[in-house]
Full PDB file with SEQRES, HELIX, SHEET, SSBOND, CRYST1, ORIGX, SCALE, CONECT and MASTER records, all heavy atoms in Angstrom:
SEQRES   1 A   37  ARG ALA PRO HIS SER TYR THR GLY GLU ASP THR ALA GLU          
SEQRES   2 A   37  ILE SER CYS HIS GLY GLY ILE TYR VAL THR ARG ARG VAL          
SEQRES   3 A   37  LEU SER ALA CYS VAL LYS ALA GLY ALA GLN PRO                  
HELIX    1 AA1 ILE A   20  LYS A   32  1                                  13    
CRYST1    1.000    1.000    1.000  90.00  90.00  90.00 P 1           1          
ORIGX1      1.000000  0.000000  0.000000        0.00000                         
ORIGX2      0.000000  1.000000  0.000000        0.00000                         
ORIGX3      0.000000  0.000000  1.000000        0.00000                         
SCALE1      1.000000  0.000000  0.000000        0.00000                         
SCALE2      0.000000  1.000000  0.000000        0.00000                         
SCALE3      0.000000  0.000000  1.000000        0.00000                         
ATOM      1  N   ARG A   1     115.385 159.277 128.174  1.00  0.00           N  
ATOM      2  CA  ARG A   1     114.989 159.465 129.558  1.00  0.00           C  
ATOM      3  C   ARG A   1     113.536 159.920 129.641  1.00  0.00           C  
ATOM      4  O   ARG A   1     113.096 160.781 128.877  1.00  0.00           O  
ATOM      5  CB  ARG A   1     115.896 160.509 130.224  1.00  0.00           C  
ATOM      6  CG  ARG A   1     117.342 160.048 130.393  1.00  0.00           C  
ATOM      7  CD  ARG A   1     117.437 158.869 131.351  1.00  0.00           C  
ATOM      8  NE  ARG A   1     118.838 158.458 131.557  1.00  0.00           N  
ATOM      9  CZ  ARG A   1     119.198 157.390 132.253  1.00  0.00           C  
ATOM     10  NH1 ARG A   1     118.264 156.617 132.797  1.00  0.00           N  
ATOM     11  NH2 ARG A   1     120.475 157.086 132.398  1.00  0.00           N  
ATOM     12  N   ALA A   2     112.795 159.313 130.576  1.00  0.00           N  
ATOM     13  CA  ALA A   2     111.394 159.704 130.787  1.00  0.00           C  
ATOM     14  C   ALA A   2     111.326 161.194 131.163  1.00  0.00           C  
ATOM     15  O   ALA A   2     112.205 161.689 131.876  1.00  0.00           O  
ATOM     16  CB  ALA A   2     110.785 158.855 131.900  1.00  0.00           C  
ATOM     17  N   PRO A   3     110.345 161.910 130.666  1.00  0.00           N  
ATOM     18  CA  PRO A   3     109.192 161.465 129.865  1.00  0.00           C  
ATOM     19  C   PRO A   3     109.389 161.656 128.364  1.00  0.00           C  
ATOM     20  O   PRO A   3     108.428 161.733 127.614  1.00  0.00           O  
ATOM     21  CB  PRO A   3     108.086 162.368 130.377  1.00  0.00           C  
ATOM     22  CG  PRO A   3     108.787 163.687 130.610  1.00  0.00           C  
ATOM     23  CD  PRO A   3     110.169 163.329 131.087  1.00  0.00           C  
ATOM     24  N   HIS A   4     110.661 161.734 127.908  1.00  0.00           N  
ATOM     25  CA  HIS A   4     110.932 162.120 126.522  1.00  0.00           C  
ATOM     26  C   HIS A   4     110.944 160.941 125.549  1.00  0.00           C  
ATOM     27  O   HIS A   4     111.192 161.130 124.364  1.00  0.00           O  
ATOM     28  CB  HIS A   4     112.279 162.852 126.451  1.00  0.00           C  
ATOM     29  CG  HIS A   4     112.337 164.094 127.286  1.00  0.00           C  
ATOM     30  ND1 HIS A   4     111.658 165.249 126.954  1.00  0.00           N  
ATOM     31  CD2 HIS A   4     112.956 164.339 128.467  1.00  0.00           C  
ATOM     32  CE1 HIS A   4     111.881 166.167 127.881  1.00  0.00           C  
ATOM     33  NE2 HIS A   4     112.658 165.642 128.818  1.00  0.00           N  
ATOM     34  N   SER A   5     110.685 159.736 126.031  1.00  0.00           N  
ATOM     35  CA  SER A   5     110.661 158.573 125.145  1.00  0.00           C  
ATOM     36  C   SER A   5     109.271 158.357 124.567  1.00  0.00           C  
ATOM     37  O   SER A   5     108.298 158.987 124.993  1.00  0.00           O  
ATOM     38  CB  SER A   5     111.088 157.322 125.912  1.00  0.00           C  
ATOM     39  OG  SER A   5     110.108 156.992 126.889  1.00  0.00           O  
ATOM     40  N   TYR A   6     109.168 157.442 123.613  1.00  0.00           N  
ATOM     41  CA  TYR A   6     107.882 157.101 122.999  1.00  0.00           C  
ATOM     42  C   TYR A   6     106.906 156.566 124.034  1.00  0.00           C  
ATOM     43  O   TYR A   6     105.715 156.902 124.034  1.00  0.00           O  
ATOM     44  CB  TYR A   6     108.121 156.067 121.897  1.00  0.00           C  
ATOM     45  CG  TYR A   6     106.876 155.551 121.213  1.00  0.00           C  
ATOM     46  CD1 TYR A   6     106.136 156.365 120.358  1.00  0.00           C  
ATOM     47  CD2 TYR A   6     106.437 154.242 121.411  1.00  0.00           C  
ATOM     48  CE1 TYR A   6     104.997 155.903 119.724  1.00  0.00           C  
ATOM     49  CE2 TYR A   6     105.305 153.759 120.783  1.00  0.00           C  
ATOM     50  CZ  TYR A   6     104.590 154.594 119.932  1.00  0.00           C  
ATOM     51  OH  TYR A   6     103.450 154.129 119.303  1.00  0.00           O  
ATOM     52  N   THR A   7     107.418 155.733 124.956  1.00  0.00           N  
ATOM     53  CA  THR A   7     106.549 155.112 125.955  1.00  0.00           C  
ATOM     54  C   THR A   7     106.331 155.991 127.176  1.00  0.00           C  
ATOM     55  O   THR A   7     105.447 155.715 127.983  1.00  0.00           O  
ATOM     56  CB  THR A   7     107.142 153.776 126.431  1.00  0.00           C  
ATOM     57  OG1 THR A   7     108.391 154.035 127.094  1.00  0.00           O  
ATOM     58  CG2 THR A   7     107.362 152.820 125.270  1.00  0.00           C  
ATOM     59  N   GLY A   8     107.163 157.032 127.345  1.00  0.00           N  
ATOM     60  CA  GLY A   8     107.092 157.846 128.550  1.00  0.00           C  
ATOM     61  C   GLY A   8     107.931 157.279 129.682  1.00  0.00           C  
ATOM     62  O   GLY A   8     107.926 157.809 130.796  1.00  0.00           O  
ATOM     63  N   GLU A   9     108.672 156.197 129.412  1.00  0.00           N  
ATOM     64  CA  GLU A   9     109.527 155.550 130.404  1.00  0.00           C  
ATOM     65  C   GLU A   9     110.987 155.666 129.971  1.00  0.00           C  
ATOM     66  O   GLU A   9     111.282 155.995 128.823  1.00  0.00           O  
ATOM     67  CB  GLU A   9     109.165 154.062 130.538  1.00  0.00           C  
ATOM     68  CG  GLU A   9     107.707 153.811 130.869  1.00  0.00           C  
ATOM     69  CD  GLU A   9     107.318 152.356 130.698  1.00  0.00           C  
ATOM     70  OE1 GLU A   9     107.940 151.662 129.866  1.00  0.00           O  
ATOM     71  OE2 GLU A   9     106.387 151.921 131.386  1.00  0.00           O  
ATOM     72  N   ASP A  10     111.923 155.379 130.891  1.00  0.00           N  
ATOM     73  CA  ASP A  10     113.324 155.261 130.500  1.00  0.00           C  
ATOM     74  C   ASP A  10     113.452 154.105 129.508  1.00  0.00           C  
ATOM     75  O   ASP A  10     112.977 152.992 129.763  1.00  0.00           O  
ATOM     76  CB  ASP A  10     114.204 154.973 131.727  1.00  0.00           C  
ATOM     77  CG  ASP A  10     114.357 156.191 132.634  1.00  0.00           C  
ATOM     78  OD1 ASP A  10     114.083 157.313 132.162  1.00  0.00           O  
ATOM     79  OD2 ASP A  10     114.750 156.013 133.799  1.00  0.00           O  
ATOM     80  N   THR A  11     114.089 154.368 128.380  1.00  0.00           N  
ATOM     81  CA  THR A  11     114.169 153.363 127.313  1.00  0.00           C  
ATOM     82  C   THR A  11     115.583 153.335 126.733  1.00  0.00           C  
ATOM     83  O   THR A  11     116.214 154.384 126.562  1.00  0.00           O  
ATOM     84  CB  THR A  11     113.183 153.681 126.178  1.00  0.00           C  
ATOM     85  OG1 THR A  11     111.865 153.811 126.717  1.00  0.00           O  
ATOM     86  CG2 THR A  11     113.181 152.580 125.125  1.00  0.00           C  
ATOM     87  N   ALA A  12     116.073 152.129 126.443  1.00  0.00           N  
ATOM     88  CA  ALA A  12     117.366 151.960 125.786  1.00  0.00           C  
ATOM     89  C   ALA A  12     117.157 151.252 124.459  1.00  0.00           C  
ATOM     90  O   ALA A  12     116.335 150.336 124.345  1.00  0.00           O  
ATOM     91  CB  ALA A  12     118.317 151.151 126.663  1.00  0.00           C  
ATOM     92  N   GLU A  13     117.889 151.679 123.449  1.00  0.00           N  
ATOM     93  CA  GLU A  13     117.770 151.071 122.121  1.00  0.00           C  
ATOM     94  C   GLU A  13     119.172 150.769 121.605  1.00  0.00           C  
ATOM     95  O   GLU A  13     120.036 151.647 121.564  1.00  0.00           O  
ATOM     96  CB  GLU A  13     117.058 152.037 121.176  1.00  0.00           C  
ATOM     97  CG  GLU A  13     116.864 151.507 119.774  1.00  0.00           C  
ATOM     98  CD  GLU A  13     116.114 152.503 118.903  1.00  0.00           C  
ATOM     99  OE1 GLU A  13     114.983 152.883 119.274  1.00  0.00           O  
ATOM    100  OE2 GLU A  13     116.676 152.909 117.870  1.00  0.00           O  
ATOM    101  N   ILE A  14     119.413 149.535 121.202  1.00  0.00           N  
ATOM    102  CA  ILE A  14     120.721 149.113 120.702  1.00  0.00           C  
ATOM    103  C   ILE A  14     120.647 148.953 119.191  1.00  0.00           C  
ATOM    104  O   ILE A  14     119.771 148.250 118.671  1.00  0.00           O  
ATOM    105  CB  ILE A  14     121.161 147.785 121.354  1.00  0.00           C  
ATOM    106  CG1 ILE A  14     121.284 147.947 122.867  1.00  0.00           C  
ATOM    107  CG2 ILE A  14     122.477 147.301 120.755  1.00  0.00           C  
ATOM    108  CD1 ILE A  14     121.546 146.648 123.607  1.00  0.00           C  
ATOM    109  N   SER A  15     121.562 149.584 118.482  1.00  0.00           N  
ATOM    110  CA  SER A  15     121.669 149.440 117.026  1.00  0.00           C  
ATOM    111  C   SER A  15     122.961 148.697 116.708  1.00  0.00           C  
ATOM    112  O   SER A  15     124.055 149.170 117.039  1.00  0.00           O  
ATOM    113  CB  SER A  15     121.681 150.816 116.343  1.00  0.00           C  
ATOM    114  OG  SER A  15     120.493 151.526 116.615  1.00  0.00           O  
ATOM    115  N   CYS A  16     122.827 147.506 116.095  1.00  0.00           N  
ATOM    116  CA  CYS A  16     124.003 146.747 115.675  1.00  0.00           C  
ATOM    117  C   CYS A  16     123.996 146.639 114.151  1.00  0.00           C  
ATOM    118  O   CYS A  16     123.183 147.269 113.476  1.00  0.00           O  
ATOM    119  CB  CYS A  16     124.033 145.378 116.340  1.00  0.00           C  
ATOM    120  SG  CYS A  16     122.567 144.365 116.048  1.00  0.00           S  
ATOM    121  N   HIS A  17     124.889 145.823 113.599  1.00  0.00           N  
ATOM    122  CA  HIS A  17     125.044 145.812 112.148  1.00  0.00           C  
ATOM    123  C   HIS A  17     123.932 145.086 111.403  1.00  0.00           C  
ATOM    124  O   HIS A  17     123.851 145.163 110.197  1.00  0.00           O  
ATOM    125  CB  HIS A  17     126.412 145.217 111.773  1.00  0.00           C  
ATOM    126  CG  HIS A  17     127.523 146.200 111.952  1.00  0.00           C  
ATOM    127  ND1 HIS A  17     128.428 146.108 112.975  1.00  0.00           N  
ATOM    128  CD2 HIS A  17     127.836 147.320 111.262  1.00  0.00           C  
ATOM    129  CE1 HIS A  17     129.288 147.119 112.895  1.00  0.00           C  
ATOM    130  NE2 HIS A  17     128.948 147.872 111.870  1.00  0.00           N  
ATOM    131  N   GLY A  18     123.091 144.355 112.094  1.00  0.00           N  
ATOM    132  CA  GLY A  18     121.829 143.952 111.485  1.00  0.00           C  
ATOM    133  C   GLY A  18     121.790 142.612 110.801  1.00  0.00           C  
ATOM    134  O   GLY A  18     120.756 142.238 110.269  1.00  0.00           O  
ATOM    135  N   GLY A  19     122.887 141.843 110.780  1.00  0.00           N  
ATOM    136  CA  GLY A  19     122.776 140.496 110.243  1.00  0.00           C  
ATOM    137  C   GLY A  19     121.867 139.651 111.115  1.00  0.00           C  
ATOM    138  O   GLY A  19     121.766 139.876 112.331  1.00  0.00           O  
ATOM    139  N   ILE A  20     121.220 138.663 110.524  1.00  0.00           N  
ATOM    140  CA  ILE A  20     120.242 137.878 111.283  1.00  0.00           C  
ATOM    141  C   ILE A  20     120.896 137.178 112.476  1.00  0.00           C  
ATOM    142  O   ILE A  20     120.397 137.234 113.602  1.00  0.00           O  
ATOM    143  CB  ILE A  20     119.557 136.854 110.364  1.00  0.00           C  
ATOM    144  CG1 ILE A  20     118.716 137.579 109.309  1.00  0.00           C  
ATOM    145  CG2 ILE A  20     118.673 135.906 111.183  1.00  0.00           C  
ATOM    146  CD1 ILE A  20     118.088 136.651 108.291  1.00  0.00           C  
ATOM    147  N   TYR A  21     122.045 136.544 112.256  1.00  0.00           N  
ATOM    148  CA  TYR A  21     122.695 135.797 113.333  1.00  0.00           C  
ATOM    149  C   TYR A  21     123.167 136.734 114.439  1.00  0.00           C  
ATOM    150  O   TYR A  21     122.939 136.481 115.633  1.00  0.00           O  
ATOM    151  CB  TYR A  21     123.875 134.989 112.788  1.00  0.00           C  
ATOM    152  CG  TYR A  21     124.606 134.229 113.863  1.00  0.00           C  
ATOM    153  CD1 TYR A  21     124.043 133.098 114.460  1.00  0.00           C  
ATOM    154  CD2 TYR A  21     125.855 134.664 114.324  1.00  0.00           C  
ATOM    155  CE1 TYR A  21     124.701 132.413 115.467  1.00  0.00           C  
ATOM    156  CE2 TYR A  21     126.522 133.988 115.327  1.00  0.00           C  
ATOM    157  CZ  TYR A  21     125.939 132.869 115.894  1.00  0.00           C  
ATOM    158  OH  TYR A  21     126.586 132.193 116.904  1.00  0.00           O  
ATOM    159  N   VAL A  22     123.831 137.837 114.042  1.00  0.00           N  
ATOM    160  CA  VAL A  22     124.343 138.797 115.023  1.00  0.00           C  
ATOM    161  C   VAL A  22     123.200 139.386 115.840  1.00  0.00           C  
ATOM    162  O   VAL A  22     123.285 139.499 117.071  1.00  0.00           O  
ATOM    163  CB  VAL A  22     125.134 139.924 114.323  1.00  0.00           C  
ATOM    164  CG1 VAL A  22     125.474 141.032 115.306  1.00  0.00           C  
ATOM    165  CG2 VAL A  22     126.395 139.378 113.693  1.00  0.00           C  
ATOM    166  N   THR A  23     122.115 139.749 115.158  1.00  0.00           N  
ATOM    167  CA  THR A  23     120.964 140.337 115.849  1.00  0.00           C  
ATOM    168  C   THR A  23     120.385 139.361 116.867  1.00  0.00           C  
ATOM    169  O   THR A  23     120.026 139.748 117.990  1.00  0.00           O  
ATOM    170  CB  THR A  23     119.888 140.748 114.833  1.00  0.00           C  
ATOM    171  OG1 THR A  23     120.441 141.671 113.902  1.00  0.00           O  
ATOM    172  CG2 THR A  23     118.711 141.422 115.529  1.00  0.00           C  
ATOM    173  N   ARG A  24     120.305 138.095 116.479  1.00  0.00           N  
ATOM    174  CA  ARG A  24     119.788 137.081 117.405  1.00  0.00           C  
ATOM    175  C   ARG A  24     120.695 136.927 118.625  1.00  0.00           C  
ATOM    176  O   ARG A  24     120.215 136.789 119.756  1.00  0.00           O  
ATOM    177  CB  ARG A  24     119.641 135.741 116.683  1.00  0.00           C  
ATOM    178  CG  ARG A  24     118.438 135.670 115.758  1.00  0.00           C  
ATOM    179  CD  ARG A  24     118.392 134.332 115.045  1.00  0.00           C  
ATOM    180  NE  ARG A  24     117.205 134.230 114.199  1.00  0.00           N  
ATOM    181  CZ  ARG A  24     117.028 133.254 113.315  1.00  0.00           C  
ATOM    182  NH1 ARG A  24     117.955 132.316 113.166  1.00  0.00           N  
ATOM    183  NH2 ARG A  24     115.934 133.207 112.577  1.00  0.00           N  
ATOM    184  N   ARG A  25     122.005 136.960 118.406  1.00  0.00           N  
ATOM    185  CA  ARG A  25     122.946 136.830 119.518  1.00  0.00           C  
ATOM    186  C   ARG A  25     122.846 138.025 120.465  1.00  0.00           C  
ATOM    187  O   ARG A  25     122.875 137.873 121.694  1.00  0.00           O  
ATOM    188  CB  ARG A  25     124.384 136.705 118.993  1.00  0.00           C  
ATOM    189  CG  ARG A  25     124.719 135.377 118.325  1.00  0.00           C  
ATOM    190  CD  ARG A  25     124.712 134.214 119.325  1.00  0.00           C  
ATOM    191  NE  ARG A  25     125.529 134.465 120.506  1.00  0.00           N  
ATOM    192  CZ  ARG A  25     126.851 134.227 120.600  1.00  0.00           C  
ATOM    193  NH1 ARG A  25     127.499 133.703 119.544  1.00  0.00           N  
ATOM    194  NH2 ARG A  25     127.505 134.462 121.719  1.00  0.00           N  
ATOM    195  N   VAL A  26     122.715 139.233 119.894  1.00  0.00           N  
ATOM    196  CA  VAL A  26     122.587 140.433 120.724  1.00  0.00           C  
ATOM    197  C   VAL A  26     121.289 140.378 121.530  1.00  0.00           C  
ATOM    198  O   VAL A  26     121.265 140.690 122.725  1.00  0.00           O  
ATOM    199  CB  VAL A  26     122.646 141.710 119.857  1.00  0.00           C  
ATOM    200  CG1 VAL A  26     122.295 142.949 120.685  1.00  0.00           C  
ATOM    201  CG2 VAL A  26     124.014 141.877 119.213  1.00  0.00           C  
ATOM    202  N   LEU A  27     120.208 139.960 120.869  1.00  0.00           N  
ATOM    203  CA  LEU A  27     118.922 139.841 121.557  1.00  0.00           C  
ATOM    204  C   LEU A  27     119.008 138.803 122.679  1.00  0.00           C  
ATOM    205  O   LEU A  27     118.505 139.017 123.795  1.00  0.00           O  
ATOM    206  CB  LEU A  27     117.834 139.457 120.557  1.00  0.00           C  
ATOM    207  CG  LEU A  27     116.414 139.296 121.106  1.00  0.00           C  
ATOM    208  CD1 LEU A  27     115.919 140.606 121.729  1.00  0.00           C  
ATOM    209  CD2 LEU A  27     115.447 138.850 120.010  1.00  0.00           C  
ATOM    210  N   SER A  28     119.663 137.681 122.410  1.00  0.00           N  
ATOM    211  CA  SER A  28     119.822 136.628 123.418  1.00  0.00           C  
ATOM    212  C   SER A  28     120.617 137.143 124.610  1.00  0.00           C  
ATOM    213  O   SER A  28     120.293 136.841 125.771  1.00  0.00           O  
ATOM    214  CB  SER A  28     120.513 135.420 122.791  1.00  0.00           C  
ATOM    215  OG  SER A  28     120.744 134.410 123.763  1.00  0.00           O  
ATOM    216  N   ALA A  29     121.644 137.943 124.337  1.00  0.00           N  
ATOM    217  CA  ALA A  29     122.457 138.507 125.415  1.00  0.00           C  
ATOM    218  C   ALA A  29     121.641 139.464 126.275  1.00  0.00           C  
ATOM    219  O   ALA A  29     121.791 139.503 127.505  1.00  0.00           O  
ATOM    220  CB  ALA A  29     123.676 139.224 124.827  1.00  0.00           C  
ATOM    221  N   CYS A  30     120.753 140.230 125.637  1.00  0.00           N  
ATOM    222  CA  CYS A  30     119.887 141.156 126.379  1.00  0.00           C  
ATOM    223  C   CYS A  30     118.942 140.380 127.297  1.00  0.00           C  
ATOM    224  O   CYS A  30     118.704 140.777 128.442  1.00  0.00           O  
ATOM    225  CB  CYS A  30     119.088 142.023 125.413  1.00  0.00           C  
ATOM    226  SG  CYS A  30     120.067 143.256 124.519  1.00  0.00           S  
ATOM    227  N   VAL A  31     118.394 139.264 126.793  1.00  0.00           N  
ATOM    228  CA  VAL A  31     117.477 138.443 127.601  1.00  0.00           C  
ATOM    229  C   VAL A  31     118.226 137.824 128.784  1.00  0.00           C  
ATOM    230  O   VAL A  31     117.711 137.774 129.908  1.00  0.00           O  
ATOM    231  CB  VAL A  31     116.826 137.353 126.727  1.00  0.00           C  
ATOM    232  CG1 VAL A  31     116.035 136.370 127.585  1.00  0.00           C  
ATOM    233  CG2 VAL A  31     115.909 137.993 125.684  1.00  0.00           C  
ATOM    234  N   LYS A  32     119.477 137.386 128.536  1.00  0.00           N  
ATOM    235  CA  LYS A  32     120.286 136.837 129.636  1.00  0.00           C  
ATOM    236  C   LYS A  32     120.503 137.882 130.728  1.00  0.00           C  
ATOM    237  O   LYS A  32     120.576 137.572 131.918  1.00  0.00           O  
ATOM    238  CB  LYS A  32     121.646 136.376 129.097  1.00  0.00           C  
ATOM    239  CG  LYS A  32     121.623 135.075 128.340  1.00  0.00           C  
ATOM    240  CD  LYS A  32     123.042 134.726 127.907  1.00  0.00           C  
ATOM    241  CE  LYS A  32     123.067 133.486 127.027  1.00  0.00           C  
ATOM    242  NZ  LYS A  32     124.450 133.187 126.564  1.00  0.00           N  
ATOM    243  N   ALA A  33     120.625 139.139 130.299  1.00  0.00           N  
ATOM    244  CA  ALA A  33     120.886 140.231 131.246  1.00  0.00           C  
ATOM    245  C   ALA A  33     119.624 140.689 131.971  1.00  0.00           C  
ATOM    246  O   ALA A  33     119.695 141.566 132.827  1.00  0.00           O  
ATOM    247  CB  ALA A  33     121.528 141.408 130.514  1.00  0.00           C  
ATOM    248  N   GLY A  34     118.461 140.116 131.630  1.00  0.00           N  
ATOM    249  CA  GLY A  34     117.235 140.433 132.355  1.00  0.00           C  
ATOM    250  C   GLY A  34     116.124 141.057 131.534  1.00  0.00           C  
ATOM    251  O   GLY A  34     115.032 141.304 132.059  1.00  0.00           O  
ATOM    252  N   ALA A  35     116.371 141.335 130.247  1.00  0.00           N  
ATOM    253  CA  ALA A  35     115.324 141.902 129.394  1.00  0.00           C  
ATOM    254  C   ALA A  35     114.272 140.837 129.079  1.00  0.00           C  
ATOM    255  O   ALA A  35     114.551 139.634 129.123  1.00  0.00           O  
ATOM    256  CB  ALA A  35     115.921 142.447 128.104  1.00  0.00           C  
ATOM    257  N   GLN A  36     113.063 141.282 128.759  1.00  0.00           N  
ATOM    258  CA  GLN A  36     111.981 140.373 128.381  1.00  0.00           C  
ATOM    259  C   GLN A  36     111.535 140.689 126.964  1.00  0.00           C  
ATOM    260  O   GLN A  36     111.458 141.873 126.574  1.00  0.00           O  
ATOM    261  CB  GLN A  36     110.791 140.506 129.323  1.00  0.00           C  
ATOM    262  CG  GLN A  36     111.071 140.069 130.750  1.00  0.00           C  
ATOM    263  CD  GLN A  36     109.850 140.206 131.637  1.00  0.00           C  
ATOM    264  OE1 GLN A  36     108.889 140.878 131.290  1.00  0.00           O  
ATOM    265  NE2 GLN A  36     109.886 139.558 132.790  1.00  0.00           N  
ATOM    266  N   PRO A  37     111.224 139.662 126.156  1.00  0.00           N  
ATOM    267  CA  PRO A  37     110.713 139.934 124.796  1.00  0.00           C  
ATOM    268  C   PRO A  37     109.422 140.738 124.856  1.00  0.00           C  
ATOM    269  O   PRO A  37     108.572 140.505 125.726  1.00  0.00           O  
ATOM    270  CB  PRO A  37     110.461 138.527 124.230  1.00  0.00           C  
ATOM    271  CG  PRO A  37     111.336 137.622 125.045  1.00  0.00           C  
ATOM    272  CD  PRO A  37     111.371 138.220 126.420  1.00  0.00           C  
TER     273      PRO A  37                                                      
MASTER        0    0    0    1    0    0    0    6  272    1    0    3          
END                                                                             
């Protein structure tokens, strides 16, 4: 929660199991939900 993040903004960070395919799918789902690269 701002201002306690690195950027000073509200920030969310998702940690998954880290395989390349799974990570890509999670990232794709985030973009579908409105996130930007």
